[in-house]
């Protein structure tokens, strides 16, 4: 596949091993990624992880603000195939029809489940027991194209979004490199998605970041770990938004209202939920670093918190 002319489209860290593998095995003629961002008070320009890899390997980088208006610069490169992963924009039909072997996408779910931009977070948030990688042909819809291959990954009870991200990132490389030869030879399968089975994983909203203790302990647990290590769950205590990074579930039941802090020990901050309680074991006060429960209780008076209520 060394002569295969590939344009790769992607942006976040998840895409990096895929791009690196394509560079090793194919002729990557260009990389398309999102425009650079200005970050922090100093508004320093930050490159996407994918752009950094492209520059390191002396590969042409294109960064259209609106790809649907700037597709000609991509088509002029005459790629044999375009491979995308978490690029961040819908690819216009003018590009999809151009490459000899089509445009394929590496998506972090078992389609048609969890179409959209946050499939890793939502798989945990919704309590899925498994997810995976789907390689598919792209069409004009959002993750609606014909499926080529799949690989399942089990979601462990202690998986955070970061842990699941890393497992899926590794799995995506293996599946892609094993699927590409059949795409080039034209022997790959092509399966339509069942629209009746489709679910969506839209980008995380601010509302979804808020931890609602009126839900069951399992729902609270899944929500908190689904947002670890980004963007983080939060709840408000004494007017401050406290980041909640991890918790465990207890079988303890209380008469107090959900959100009430009933105990603080070396095992965690015990908070009442709809059906029992959870122990917050890792948290972050505004302006401070993330700490575990042992570090947190060393600097507080427990009586100042017990009886308070997370909102």
Protein backbone atom coordinates (compact mmCIF):
# COMPACT_ATOMS: atom_id res chain seq x y z
CA UNK A 1 0.00 0.00 0.00
CA UNK A 2 3.05 2.25 -0.09
CA UNK A 3 1.87 3.81 -3.37
CA UNK A 4 -1.64 4.50 -2.06
CA UNK A 5 -2.15 8.28 -2.07
CA UNK A 6 -4.00 9.15 1.13
CA UNK A 7 -5.45 12.38 2.46
CA UNK A 8 -6.10 12.10 6.18
CA UNK A 9 -8.68 14.29 7.91
CA UNK A 10 -8.68 14.48 11.70
CA UNK A 11 -8.02 16.75 14.66
CA UNK A 12 -7.73 15.36 18.24
CA UNK A 13 -5.29 13.03 19.99
CA UNK A 14 -7.46 10.02 19.18
CA UNK A 15 -6.43 10.35 15.51
CA UNK A 16 -2.67 10.47 16.06
CA UNK A 17 -1.91 6.71 16.06
CA UNK A 18 -4.07 6.29 12.96
CA UNK A 19 -2.15 8.99 11.09
CA UNK A 20 1.20 7.62 12.24
CA UNK A 21 0.25 4.15 11.01
CA UNK A 22 -0.88 5.51 7.64
CA UNK A 23 2.42 7.37 7.28
CA UNK A 24 4.27 4.09 7.88
CA UNK A 25 2.19 2.09 5.41
CA UNK A 26 0.90 4.50 2.74
CA UNK A 27 1.77 7.69 0.88
CA UNK A 28 0.05 10.38 2.95
CA UNK A 29 0.03 13.36 0.61
CA UNK A 30 -1.85 15.81 2.86
CA UNK A 31 -3.50 16.23 6.22
CA UNK A 32 -6.69 18.25 6.72
CA UNK A 33 -7.38 19.46 10.26
CA UNK A 34 -9.32 22.16 12.06
CA UNK A 35 -7.94 25.73 12.15
CA UNK A 36 -5.48 26.60 14.93
CA UNK A 37 -6.97 27.75 18.23
CA UNK A 38 -6.00 30.64 20.45
CA UNK A 39 -5.82 29.50 24.07
CA UNK A 40 -5.47 31.22 27.45
CA UNK A 41 -5.14 34.82 28.49
CA UNK A 42 -2.16 35.30 26.23
CA UNK A 43 -4.15 33.89 23.29
CA UNK A 44 -1.29 31.63 22.26
CA UNK A 45 -1.83 29.68 19.05
CA UNK A 46 -2.13 25.92 19.61
CA UNK A 47 -1.85 23.35 16.82
CA UNK A 48 -4.07 20.28 16.78
CA UNK A 49 -2.33 16.98 17.67
CA UNK A 50 -2.79 15.84 14.08
CA UNK A 51 -1.14 18.97 12.68
CA UNK A 52 1.88 18.43 14.93
CA UNK A 53 2.38 14.94 13.49
CA UNK A 54 1.99 16.22 9.94
CA UNK A 55 4.59 18.96 10.44
CA UNK A 56 7.01 16.49 12.05
CA UNK A 57 6.72 14.31 8.94
CA UNK A 58 6.86 17.18 6.42
CA UNK A 59 3.32 16.54 5.18
CA UNK A 60 1.22 19.27 3.60
CA UNK A 61 -1.39 20.67 6.02
CA UNK A 62 -4.73 22.19 4.98
CA UNK A 63 -6.96 23.93 7.54
CA UNK A 64 -10.17 25.15 5.91
CA UNK A 65 -12.49 27.08 8.20
CA UNK A 66 -15.43 25.81 6.14
CA UNK A 67 -14.52 22.76 4.10
CA UNK A 68 -17.74 22.95 2.07
CA UNK A 69 -16.48 26.25 0.62
CA UNK A 70 -12.83 25.22 0.16
CA UNK A 71 -13.01 21.70 -1.21
CA UNK A 72 -11.21 22.40 -4.51
CA UNK A 73 -7.79 22.62 -2.85
CA UNK A 74 -8.34 19.09 -1.51
CA UNK A 75 -9.67 17.61 -4.75
CA UNK A 76 -6.77 19.11 -6.73
CA UNK A 77 -4.40 16.72 -4.92
CA UNK A 78 -6.16 13.73 -6.56
CA UNK A 79 -6.03 11.30 -3.63
CA UNK A 80 -6.74 7.60 -4.12
CA UNK A 81 -8.62 7.54 -0.83
CA UNK A 82 -9.61 9.94 1.94
CA UNK A 83 -9.63 8.63 5.50
CA UNK A 84 -11.26 10.65 8.26
CA UNK A 85 -11.49 10.32 12.01
CA UNK A 86 -12.99 12.90 14.38
CA UNK A 87 -12.32 15.67 11.90
CA UNK A 88 -15.03 18.01 13.17
CA UNK A 89 -16.80 19.07 9.98
CA UNK A 90 -19.26 17.38 7.61
CA UNK A 91 -17.47 16.46 4.37
CA UNK A 92 -19.29 17.87 1.31
CA UNK A 93 -20.50 15.65 -1.51
CA UNK A 94 -18.03 17.33 -3.90
CA UNK A 95 -15.20 15.63 -1.98
CA UNK A 96 -16.95 12.34 -1.24
CA UNK A 97 -17.33 11.51 -4.94
CA UNK A 98 -13.74 12.29 -5.90
CA UNK A 99 -11.29 9.57 -4.65
CA UNK A 100 -10.98 6.28 -6.55
CA UNK A 101 -11.51 4.19 -3.43
CA UNK A 102 -13.92 6.57 -1.78
CA UNK A 103 -13.95 8.37 1.56
CA UNK A 104 -13.95 6.21 4.67
CA UNK A 105 -14.43 7.16 8.29
CA UNK A 106 -13.14 5.60 11.50
CA UNK A 107 -15.89 6.06 14.10
CA UNK A 108 -15.64 5.28 17.82
CA UNK A 109 -18.87 3.32 18.28
CA UNK A 110 -20.70 0.28 16.96
CA UNK A 111 -22.85 1.99 14.39
CA UNK A 112 -25.69 2.75 14.03
CA UNK A 113 -25.47 3.30 17.79
CA UNK A 114 -23.99 6.59 18.98
CA UNK A 115 -23.65 8.60 15.79
CA UNK A 116 -22.10 12.01 16.37
CA UNK A 117 -19.24 13.80 18.08
CA UNK A 118 -19.18 12.32 21.59
CA UNK A 119 -19.60 8.53 21.26
CA UNK A 120 -16.98 7.66 23.88
CA UNK A 121 -18.47 9.87 26.60
CA UNK A 122 -22.04 8.88 25.84
CA UNK A 123 -21.32 5.13 25.78
CA UNK A 124 -20.34 5.33 29.45
CA UNK A 125 -22.92 7.96 30.38
CA UNK A 126 -25.74 5.82 28.96
CA UNK A 127 -24.52 2.70 30.76
CA UNK A 128 -23.45 0.69 27.70
CA UNK A 129 -21.61 -2.56 28.47
CA UNK A 130 -19.75 -2.55 25.17
CA UNK A 131 -18.85 -0.22 22.33
CA UNK A 132 -16.23 -0.38 19.59
CA UNK A 133 -14.92 0.90 16.29
CA UNK A 134 -16.76 1.03 12.98
CA UNK A 135 -15.08 1.68 9.65
CA UNK A 136 -17.59 2.97 7.14
CA UNK A 137 -18.03 4.72 3.83
CA UNK A 138 -18.97 8.35 4.23
CA UNK A 139 -22.07 9.92 2.79
CA UNK A 140 -23.78 13.28 3.20
CA UNK A 141 -25.33 12.38 6.57
CA UNK A 142 -23.69 12.33 10.01
CA UNK A 143 -22.17 8.86 10.40
CA UNK A 144 -24.90 7.32 8.23
CA UNK A 145 -22.85 5.61 5.51
CA UNK A 146 -22.50 1.93 4.72
CA UNK A 147 -20.45 -0.07 7.24
CA UNK A 148 -17.34 -1.99 6.19
CA UNK A 149 -15.95 -3.53 9.39
CA UNK A 150 -16.43 -3.46 13.17
CA UNK A 151 -14.54 -4.38 16.30
CA UNK A 152 -16.07 -4.63 19.78
CA UNK A 153 -14.54 -3.29 23.00
CA UNK A 154 -15.90 -4.13 26.45
CA UNK A 155 -16.62 -1.19 28.76
CA UNK A 156 -15.31 -2.16 32.19
CA UNK A 157 -17.13 -0.99 35.32
CA UNK A 158 -14.17 1.20 36.29
CA UNK A 159 -13.51 2.67 32.84
CA UNK A 160 -13.43 6.44 32.59
CA UNK A 161 -13.81 8.26 29.29
CA UNK A 162 -10.02 8.56 29.16
CA UNK A 163 -9.46 4.84 29.69
CA UNK A 164 -12.06 3.93 27.09
CA UNK A 165 -10.61 6.53 24.72
CA UNK A 166 -7.20 4.88 24.96
CA UNK A 167 -8.59 1.37 24.38
CA UNK A 168 -10.59 2.49 21.34
CA UNK A 169 -7.66 4.48 19.97
CA UNK A 170 -5.53 1.33 19.96
CA UNK A 171 -8.33 -0.77 18.48
CA UNK A 172 -8.98 1.74 15.68
CA UNK A 173 -5.44 1.39 14.33
CA UNK A 174 -5.62 -2.40 14.21
CA UNK A 175 -9.03 -2.46 12.54
CA UNK A 176 -8.14 0.14 9.92
CA UNK A 177 -4.88 -1.46 8.83
CA UNK A 178 -6.60 -4.86 8.57
CA UNK A 179 -9.55 -3.42 6.62
CA UNK A 180 -7.71 -1.25 4.09
CA UNK A 181 -6.50 -4.09 1.80
CA UNK A 182 -10.06 -5.31 1.20
CA UNK A 183 -11.17 -1.75 0.37
CA UNK A 184 -8.38 -1.40 -2.18
CA UNK A 185 -9.09 -4.81 -3.72
CA UNK A 186 -12.84 -4.19 -3.77
CA UNK A 187 -13.56 -7.33 -1.72
CA UNK A 188 -14.83 -5.58 1.41
CA UNK A 189 -18.37 -6.04 2.66
CA UNK A 190 -20.76 -3.09 2.52
CA UNK A 191 -23.65 -3.15 4.99
CA UNK A 192 -26.45 -0.61 5.18
CA UNK A 193 -27.19 0.85 8.61
CA UNK A 194 -30.56 0.09 10.15
CA UNK A 195 -32.12 3.47 10.83
CA UNK A 196 -34.48 1.96 13.40
CA UNK A 197 -31.47 1.10 15.58
CA UNK A 198 -29.79 4.50 15.31
CA UNK A 199 -28.96 6.54 18.41
CA UNK A 200 -27.05 9.80 18.67
CA UNK A 201 -24.13 11.05 20.73
CA UNK A 202 -24.13 14.80 20.25
CA UNK A 203 -21.33 16.87 21.75
CA UNK A 204 -21.43 17.25 25.54
CA UNK A 205 -23.55 20.21 26.64
CA UNK A 206 -23.00 22.28 29.77
CA UNK A 207 -26.21 20.82 31.18
CA UNK A 208 -24.83 17.29 30.76
CA UNK A 209 -21.72 18.26 32.73
CA UNK A 210 -23.87 19.02 35.79
CA UNK A 211 -24.22 16.13 38.26
CA UNK A 212 -27.83 15.65 39.31
CA UNK A 213 -28.00 13.72 42.59
CA UNK A 214 -31.75 13.26 42.11
CA UNK A 215 -30.75 10.42 39.80
CA UNK A 216 -29.81 6.90 40.91
CA UNK A 217 -26.33 6.16 42.24
CA UNK A 218 -25.51 4.20 39.08
CA UNK A 219 -26.58 7.10 36.86
CA UNK A 220 -24.48 9.53 38.93
CA UNK A 221 -21.50 7.16 38.81
CA UNK A 222 -21.75 6.73 35.03
CA UNK A 223 -22.12 10.47 34.46
CA UNK A 224 -19.05 11.36 36.55
CA UNK A 225 -16.74 8.76 35.01
CA UNK A 226 -18.02 9.50 31.51
CA UNK A 227 -16.61 13.04 31.77
CA UNK A 228 -13.22 12.06 33.21
CA UNK A 229 -10.70 13.38 32.07
CA UNK A 230 -12.57 15.94 29.95
CA UNK A 231 -14.59 18.12 30.39
CA UNK A 232 -15.33 16.98 33.95
CA UNK A 233 -18.61 16.70 35.87
CA UNK A 234 -19.51 19.37 38.40
CA UNK A 235 -22.00 20.23 41.12
CA UNK A 236 -22.48 23.47 43.03
CA UNK A 237 -21.68 23.68 46.75
CA UNK A 238 -21.96 26.98 48.65
CA UNK A 239 -22.07 28.86 45.36
CA UNK A 240 -18.92 27.22 43.96
CA UNK A 241 -18.77 24.79 41.06
CA UNK A 242 -16.89 21.76 42.34
CA UNK A 243 -15.44 19.38 39.76
CA UNK A 244 -16.23 15.75 40.53
CA UNK A 245 -13.70 13.40 38.94
CA UNK A 246 -14.53 10.01 40.43
CA UNK A 247 -16.85 8.29 42.87
CA UNK A 248 -17.95 4.87 44.09
CA UNK A 249 -21.41 3.49 44.83
CA UNK A 250 -22.65 2.47 48.29
CA UNK A 251 -25.72 0.56 49.43
CA UNK A 252 -26.39 3.04 52.25
CA UNK A 253 -29.84 4.64 52.30
CA UNK A 254 -30.75 7.94 53.97
CA UNK A 255 -33.80 10.09 54.63
CA UNK A 256 -31.99 13.29 53.65
CA UNK A 257 -32.64 14.92 50.29
CA UNK A 258 -30.48 13.94 47.29
CA UNK A 259 -27.29 16.00 47.13
CA UNK A 260 -26.88 16.18 50.93
CA UNK A 261 -23.41 15.43 52.32
CA UNK A 262 -23.98 12.92 55.14
CA UNK A 263 -20.43 11.83 55.93
CA UNK A 264 -16.78 12.51 55.16
CA UNK A 265 -14.19 9.79 55.72
CA UNK A 266 -10.94 8.58 54.18
CA UNK A 267 -13.16 6.61 51.76
CA UNK A 268 -14.88 9.68 50.34
CA UNK A 269 -17.48 12.41 50.66
CA UNK A 270 -20.76 10.55 51.00
CA UNK A 271 -23.60 12.20 49.10
CA UNK A 272 -27.22 11.08 49.05
CA UNK A 273 -28.70 10.07 45.70
CA UNK A 274 -32.20 9.10 44.58
CA UNK A 275 -31.81 5.49 45.71
CA UNK A 276 -28.74 5.32 47.98
CA UNK A 277 -25.47 7.30 48.10
CA UNK A 278 -22.12 7.74 46.38
CA UNK A 279 -18.65 8.42 47.74
CA UNK A 280 -16.83 11.24 45.97
CA UNK A 281 -13.19 10.12 45.91
CA UNK A 282 -11.58 12.68 43.61
CA UNK A 283 -12.57 16.33 43.23
CA UNK A 284 -11.37 19.81 42.41
CA UNK A 285 -12.13 23.13 44.08
CA UNK A 286 -12.17 26.21 41.76
CA UNK A 287 -8.66 27.57 41.32
CA UNK A 288 -7.07 24.47 42.85
CA UNK A 289 -5.57 21.27 41.51
CA UNK A 290 -7.44 17.97 41.35
CA UNK A 291 -7.01 16.03 44.63
CA UNK A 292 -7.94 12.65 46.06
CA UNK A 293 -10.09 12.40 49.15
CA UNK A 294 -7.17 11.92 51.56
CA UNK A 295 -5.56 15.17 50.43
CA UNK A 296 -8.91 16.98 50.55
CA UNK A 297 -9.83 16.05 54.13
CA UNK A 298 -6.37 17.03 55.41
CA UNK A 299 -7.17 20.68 54.73
CA UNK A 300 -10.77 20.98 55.92
CA UNK A 301 -13.02 20.76 58.95
CA UNK A 302 -15.50 17.98 58.25
CA UNK A 303 -18.23 19.65 60.28
CA UNK A 304 -18.15 22.61 57.89
CA UNK A 305 -19.38 20.34 55.07
CA UNK A 306 -21.58 17.65 56.62
CA UNK A 307 -25.21 18.66 56.14
CA UNK A 308 -24.42 20.90 53.17
CA UNK A 309 -26.14 20.11 49.90
CA UNK A 310 -24.79 19.85 46.38
CA UNK A 311 -27.03 21.60 43.90
